[in-house]
Amino acid sequence: MRILITGAQGQLGTELCHLLDEKNIEYVGTGSSDLDITDNKAVADYFNKYKPELVYHCAAFTAVDAAEEEPGKTTNQKVNVDGTKNIAEASEKIGATMVYISTDYVFDGKNEDMYTEDSIPNPQNEYGRAKLAGEKAVSEIMSKYYIIRTSWVFGEYGKNFVYTMLRLAETHDHLTVVNDQMGRPTWTRTLAEFMNYVVENNVPYGLYQLSNEGSCTWYEFAKEILKDKNIKIDPVTSDEYPQKAYRPRHSVMDLAKVENTGFEVINWQEALSSFLNNVN
C-alpha cells in the first residue's frame, strides 16, 4: 500500500514513522519538507505524482495560545482548515483513505459527563474552531476517512507536558500546576498504534475518540510524572495561571467506540511509565 504521512517531523508523525518502520511498512513520502499543504496546486500535483492509497494527516498548527492572535491566527486557519481541505480534496480525487487527527478542544468543557462522538461540539478557542472546521471538511469531502479526536498528547519526539515537567524539576524545587482542568493523557505510541489498527483491521469509517484510559487533572498528571523526584508541587486554579486560549475544564472523552473495535487501550499511568522507561 502506498502511504503518505503529512507532518512526519512532528511529535505524532515521527512516532507513526517509527511504528511503520518496526512493522516493515513502507511509505511513499512524508510530505514534510517538499509539500506545502496550504498550497492547493502543490498538494494536487504531489498526489498525482505519488498517488498514495492511504494518508495519515498528522500535519497541524498546534500552538494553541499563538492561534489567538496574529500571525498565529492566520497560520492556524491556513494549516488546520485550508491545508486539511486541500489534503482531503486531493485524497478523494484519487480514492485514498485518510486518517485525520483532531482534538478534545472541539468541546467547551462544560459537560460533567464524558463526551461521546455524538456530543455537540462547541469550541471556545481558535485552535478548537479550526480543528472542528477540519473535521467538517474531511467528513463532507471524503468517502473513506477516519477522524480521531485525541487529548493531552505526550511522546518521545517533540515538546510536551511531560518533558516540560521533567525539565522544570531540574531547576526548581517547587512547582505550581493547574488542578481544575480534567482530561485524558494520550501517549503518541497508543495513538499511532490505533491509527494503524483501524486500517489493518478494516474498522468502519467515521469519527473516533482515542486517549489512554483514566482521567486526571494537570496537577495529578504532574504528580505522577515527578513522583520519584524530590520536588514540591502545589495545585492552582486556571485563574491563577492565565493563558491566552481558553482551556476546557472537563474534556474527558468516552472511549467506548474505540474499545468496541477490539483495540486494547492501556491506562495513562501505564502509558506514562512505559514512555519514561523508553526515554530514561
Protein backbone atom coordinates (compact mmCIF):
# COMPACT_ATOMS: atom_id res chain seq x y z
CA MET A 1 0.00 0.00 0.00
CA ARG A 2 1.29 3.47 -0.90
CA ILE A 3 1.20 5.54 2.30
CA LEU A 4 1.74 9.26 2.75
CA ILE A 5 2.38 10.83 6.17
CA THR A 6 1.95 14.59 6.46
CA GLY A 7 3.68 16.29 9.37
CA ALA A 8 6.07 13.39 9.73
CA GLN A 9 8.63 15.52 11.56
CA GLY A 10 6.17 16.40 14.31
CA GLN A 11 5.62 14.56 17.58
CA LEU A 12 2.92 12.18 16.31
CA GLY A 13 4.20 11.87 12.76
CA THR A 14 7.64 10.78 13.95
CA GLU A 15 6.09 8.21 16.28
CA LEU A 16 4.00 6.88 13.41
CA CYS A 17 7.04 6.63 11.14
CA HIS A 18 8.89 4.59 13.77
CA LEU A 19 5.89 2.29 14.21
CA LEU A 20 5.59 1.66 10.47
CA ASP A 21 9.35 1.08 10.24
CA GLU A 22 9.07 -1.54 13.00
CA LYS A 23 6.30 -3.24 11.06
CA ASN A 24 8.34 -3.02 7.83
CA ILE A 25 5.56 -0.99 6.23
CA GLU A 26 6.92 1.29 3.51
CA TYR A 27 5.51 4.71 2.70
CA VAL A 28 5.86 6.80 -0.45
CA GLY A 29 6.64 10.04 1.32
CA THR A 30 6.39 12.11 4.45
CA GLY A 31 5.33 15.39 2.90
CA SER A 32 7.46 17.21 5.45
CA SER A 33 9.99 19.25 3.52
CA ASP A 34 8.67 19.01 -0.03
CA LEU A 35 4.93 19.61 0.41
CA ASP A 36 3.19 22.82 1.47
CA ILE A 37 -0.27 21.61 2.43
CA THR A 38 -1.63 25.18 2.28
CA ASP A 39 -0.85 25.31 -1.47
CA ASN A 40 -3.76 23.64 -3.24
CA LYS A 41 -1.95 23.17 -6.55
CA ALA A 42 1.19 21.83 -4.88
CA VAL A 43 -0.90 19.29 -2.98
CA ALA A 44 -2.77 18.21 -6.12
CA ASP A 45 0.49 17.81 -8.04
CA TYR A 46 2.07 15.85 -5.18
CA PHE A 47 -0.87 13.44 -5.02
CA ASN A 48 -0.95 13.00 -8.79
CA LYS A 49 2.74 12.13 -8.70
CA TYR A 50 2.83 9.71 -5.76
CA LYS A 51 -0.80 8.52 -5.77
CA PRO A 52 -0.98 7.48 -2.10
CA GLU A 53 -3.70 5.00 -1.20
CA LEU A 54 -3.60 5.91 2.49
CA VAL A 55 -2.91 9.33 4.01
CA TYR A 56 -2.05 9.79 7.67
CA HIS A 57 -2.72 13.50 8.04
CA CYS A 58 -0.63 14.48 11.08
CA ALA A 59 0.38 17.98 9.93
CA ALA A 60 -1.13 20.65 12.17
CA PHE A 61 -0.55 24.02 13.76
CA THR A 62 -0.75 23.22 17.49
CA ALA A 63 0.42 26.44 19.14
CA VAL A 64 -2.89 26.94 20.93
CA ASP A 65 -2.12 30.29 22.56
CA ALA A 66 -0.41 31.70 19.47
CA ALA A 67 -3.54 30.89 17.45
CA GLU A 68 -5.49 33.51 19.39
CA GLU A 69 -3.62 36.44 17.83
CA GLU A 70 -1.89 37.29 14.56
CA PRO A 71 0.17 35.97 12.90
CA GLY A 72 -0.67 32.66 14.58
CA LYS A 73 -4.39 33.07 13.96
CA THR A 74 -3.86 33.19 10.19
CA THR A 75 -1.40 30.29 10.26
CA ASN A 76 -3.86 28.25 12.31
CA GLN A 77 -6.54 28.84 9.66
CA LYS A 78 -4.26 28.11 6.71
CA VAL A 79 -2.80 24.90 8.11
CA ASN A 80 -5.63 23.37 10.13
CA VAL A 81 -8.52 24.36 7.86
CA ASP A 82 -7.26 25.18 4.35
CA GLY A 83 -4.46 22.63 4.47
CA THR A 84 -6.75 19.88 5.68
CA LYS A 85 -9.28 20.73 2.97
CA ASN A 86 -6.55 20.56 0.33
CA ILE A 87 -5.40 17.16 1.55
CA ALA A 88 -8.99 15.89 1.71
CA GLU A 89 -9.81 17.04 -1.82
CA ALA A 90 -6.64 15.52 -3.24
CA SER A 91 -7.21 12.26 -1.35
CA GLU A 92 -10.80 11.95 -2.51
CA LYS A 93 -9.89 12.65 -6.11
CA ILE A 94 -7.63 9.60 -6.26
CA GLY A 95 -9.75 7.41 -3.96
CA ALA A 96 -7.36 7.43 -0.99
CA THR A 97 -8.29 6.80 2.64
CA MET A 98 -7.46 9.47 5.19
CA VAL A 99 -6.73 9.24 8.91
CA TYR A 100 -7.15 12.74 10.37
CA ILE A 101 -6.23 13.79 13.91
CA SER A 102 -8.48 16.20 15.79
CA THR A 103 -8.74 17.37 19.40
CA ASP A 104 -10.79 17.49 22.58
CA TYR A 105 -10.69 21.28 22.20
CA VAL A 106 -13.69 21.00 19.89
CA PHE A 107 -15.68 20.81 23.16
CA ASP A 108 -16.37 23.65 25.60
CA GLY A 109 -15.56 21.57 28.68
CA LYS A 110 -18.83 22.36 30.43
CA ASN A 111 -20.15 18.80 30.33
CA GLU A 112 -19.77 16.97 33.64
CA ASP A 113 -20.13 13.60 31.89
CA MET A 114 -17.85 12.15 29.23
CA TYR A 115 -18.13 13.46 25.70
CA THR A 116 -19.17 10.87 23.12
CA GLU A 117 -18.70 11.08 19.37
CA ASP A 118 -22.32 12.26 19.20
CA SER A 119 -21.85 15.12 21.67
CA ILE A 120 -22.35 18.56 20.13
CA PRO A 121 -19.03 20.41 19.69
CA ASN A 122 -18.72 23.98 20.94
CA PRO A 123 -15.06 25.08 20.69
CA GLN A 124 -14.06 28.08 22.77
CA ASN A 125 -10.65 28.85 21.28
CA GLU A 126 -9.31 29.46 17.77
CA TYR A 127 -7.41 26.18 17.63
CA GLY A 128 -10.52 24.18 18.52
CA ARG A 129 -12.60 26.05 15.94
CA ALA A 130 -10.05 25.37 13.23
CA LYS A 131 -9.75 21.67 14.04
CA LEU A 132 -13.55 21.33 14.03
CA ALA A 133 -13.62 23.01 10.62
CA GLY A 134 -11.00 20.48 9.54
CA GLU A 135 -13.26 17.66 10.75
CA LYS A 136 -16.13 19.11 8.75
CA ALA A 137 -14.01 19.37 5.61
CA VAL A 138 -12.91 15.75 5.89
CA SER A 139 -16.40 14.37 6.57
CA GLU A 140 -18.04 16.43 3.81
CA ILE A 141 -15.43 15.87 1.12
CA MET A 142 -14.27 12.31 1.70
CA SER A 143 -15.82 8.89 1.27
CA LYS A 144 -13.20 6.87 3.15
CA TYR A 145 -11.92 8.53 6.30
CA TYR A 146 -11.18 8.17 9.99
CA ILE A 147 -11.34 11.22 12.23
CA ILE A 148 -9.63 10.56 15.56
CA ARG A 149 -10.02 13.08 18.37
CA THR A 150 -7.32 12.94 21.00
CA SER A 151 -6.13 14.94 24.01
CA TRP A 152 -3.14 15.86 26.19
CA VAL A 153 -0.64 14.23 23.87
CA PHE A 154 2.85 13.29 25.07
CA GLY A 155 5.58 11.28 23.42
CA GLU A 156 9.26 10.84 22.77
CA TYR A 157 9.57 13.05 19.71
CA GLY A 158 8.81 16.68 20.41
CA LYS A 159 7.72 19.18 23.04
CA ASN A 160 5.04 18.14 25.51
CA PHE A 161 3.89 18.49 29.12
CA VAL A 162 5.93 15.54 30.39
CA TYR A 163 9.20 16.93 29.06
CA THR A 164 8.30 20.37 30.42
CA MET A 165 7.73 18.98 33.93
CA LEU A 166 10.96 16.96 33.85
CA ARG A 167 12.94 19.98 32.67
CA LEU A 168 11.45 22.29 35.32
CA ALA A 169 12.18 19.72 38.01
CA GLU A 170 15.88 20.01 37.22
CA THR A 171 15.98 23.72 38.09
CA HIS A 172 13.13 24.17 40.61
CA ASP A 173 12.31 22.71 43.99
CA HIS A 174 8.71 23.96 43.90
CA LEU A 175 6.14 23.98 41.09
CA THR A 176 2.50 25.03 40.80
CA VAL A 177 0.21 23.24 38.34
CA VAL A 178 -3.41 23.78 37.32
CA ASN A 179 -5.81 21.49 39.15
CA ASP A 180 -9.23 22.47 37.74
CA GLN A 181 -8.87 21.12 34.20
CA MET A 182 -9.75 17.44 33.81
CA GLY A 183 -8.86 15.31 30.80
CA ARG A 184 -7.21 12.16 29.49
CA PRO A 185 -3.46 11.98 28.70
CA THR A 186 -2.53 10.26 25.42
CA TRP A 187 0.77 8.58 24.62
CA THR A 188 1.71 9.08 20.97
CA ARG A 189 2.53 5.37 20.77
CA THR A 190 -1.03 4.43 21.71
CA LEU A 191 -2.40 6.91 19.18
CA ALA A 192 -0.10 5.75 16.39
CA GLU A 193 -0.99 2.12 17.09
CA PHE A 194 -4.70 2.90 16.83
CA MET A 195 -4.18 4.84 13.60
CA ASN A 196 -2.51 1.76 12.15
CA TYR A 197 -5.08 -0.58 13.74
CA VAL A 198 -8.13 0.96 12.07
CA VAL A 199 -6.58 0.48 8.65
CA GLU A 200 -5.18 -3.03 9.20
CA ASN A 201 -8.46 -4.28 10.67
CA ASN A 202 -10.86 -2.55 8.27
CA VAL A 203 -12.60 -0.76 11.13
CA PRO A 204 -15.75 1.05 9.89
CA TYR A 205 -15.03 4.58 8.67
CA GLY A 206 -16.09 7.52 10.80
CA LEU A 207 -15.33 9.52 13.94
CA TYR A 208 -13.50 8.03 16.94
CA GLN A 209 -12.09 9.35 20.21
CA LEU A 210 -8.80 7.92 21.46
CA SER A 211 -6.71 8.59 24.53
CA ASN A 212 -5.35 6.41 27.28
CA GLU A 213 -7.76 5.06 29.90
CA GLY A 214 -8.41 7.00 33.07
CA SER A 215 -8.57 10.74 33.64
CA CYS A 216 -6.76 13.30 35.76
CA THR A 217 -6.05 16.99 36.20
CA TRP A 218 -2.82 18.55 35.02
CA TYR A 219 -1.75 18.69 38.68
CA GLU A 220 -2.38 14.96 39.12
CA PHE A 221 -0.57 14.29 35.85
CA ALA A 222 2.42 16.30 37.06
CA LYS A 223 2.46 14.48 40.41
CA GLU A 224 2.68 11.14 38.60
CA ILE A 225 5.40 12.36 36.24
CA LEU A 226 7.54 13.62 39.11
CA LYS A 227 6.67 11.07 41.78
CA ASP A 228 10.29 9.94 42.02
CA LYS A 229 11.68 13.48 42.14
CA ASN A 230 12.39 15.48 45.26
CA ILE A 231 10.15 18.39 44.41
CA LYS A 232 7.11 20.09 45.94
CA ILE A 233 4.07 20.52 43.66
CA ASP A 234 1.09 22.65 44.63
CA PRO A 235 -2.28 22.89 42.86
CA VAL A 236 -3.56 26.21 41.49
CA THR A 237 -6.67 27.32 39.61
CA SER A 238 -6.83 28.30 35.95
CA ASP A 239 -7.46 31.88 37.08
CA GLU A 240 -4.13 31.85 38.90
CA TYR A 241 -2.39 30.68 35.71
CA PRO A 242 -3.95 32.78 32.93
CA GLN A 243 -3.37 31.81 29.29
CA LYS A 244 -4.46 33.46 26.05
CA ALA A 245 -6.51 30.50 24.86
CA TYR A 246 -9.40 29.09 26.86
CA ARG A 247 -8.84 25.50 28.02
CA PRO A 248 -11.84 23.18 28.56
CA ARG A 249 -12.38 22.50 32.26
CA HIS A 250 -13.64 18.95 31.67
CA SER A 251 -12.79 17.38 28.31
CA VAL A 252 -12.90 13.68 29.22
CA MET A 253 -13.89 11.80 26.06
CA ASP A 254 -15.73 8.47 26.03
CA LEU A 255 -13.56 5.64 24.64
CA ALA A 256 -16.31 3.02 24.25
CA LYS A 257 -16.44 3.23 20.45
CA VAL A 258 -12.69 2.63 20.18
CA GLU A 259 -12.77 -0.22 22.69
CA ASN A 260 -15.66 -1.84 20.79
CA THR A 261 -13.36 -2.18 17.79
CA GLY A 262 -11.26 -4.63 19.82
CA PHE A 263 -8.35 -2.24 20.26
CA GLU A 264 -6.83 -2.50 23.74
CA VAL A 265 -6.42 0.87 25.44
CA ILE A 266 -3.95 0.91 28.35
CA ASN A 267 -4.36 3.39 31.21
CA TRP A 268 -2.43 6.64 31.20
CA GLN A 269 -0.26 5.70 34.19
CA GLU A 270 0.95 2.57 32.40
CA ALA A 271 1.50 4.55 29.21
CA LEU A 272 3.47 7.20 31.09
CA SER A 273 5.60 4.57 32.82
CA SER A 274 6.42 2.89 29.50
CA PHE A 275 7.27 6.23 27.94
CA LEU A 276 9.56 7.25 30.80
CA ASN A 277 11.31 3.86 30.71
CA ASN A 278 11.96 4.39 26.99
CA VAL A 279 13.47 7.85 27.35
CA ASN A 280 15.47 7.32 30.56
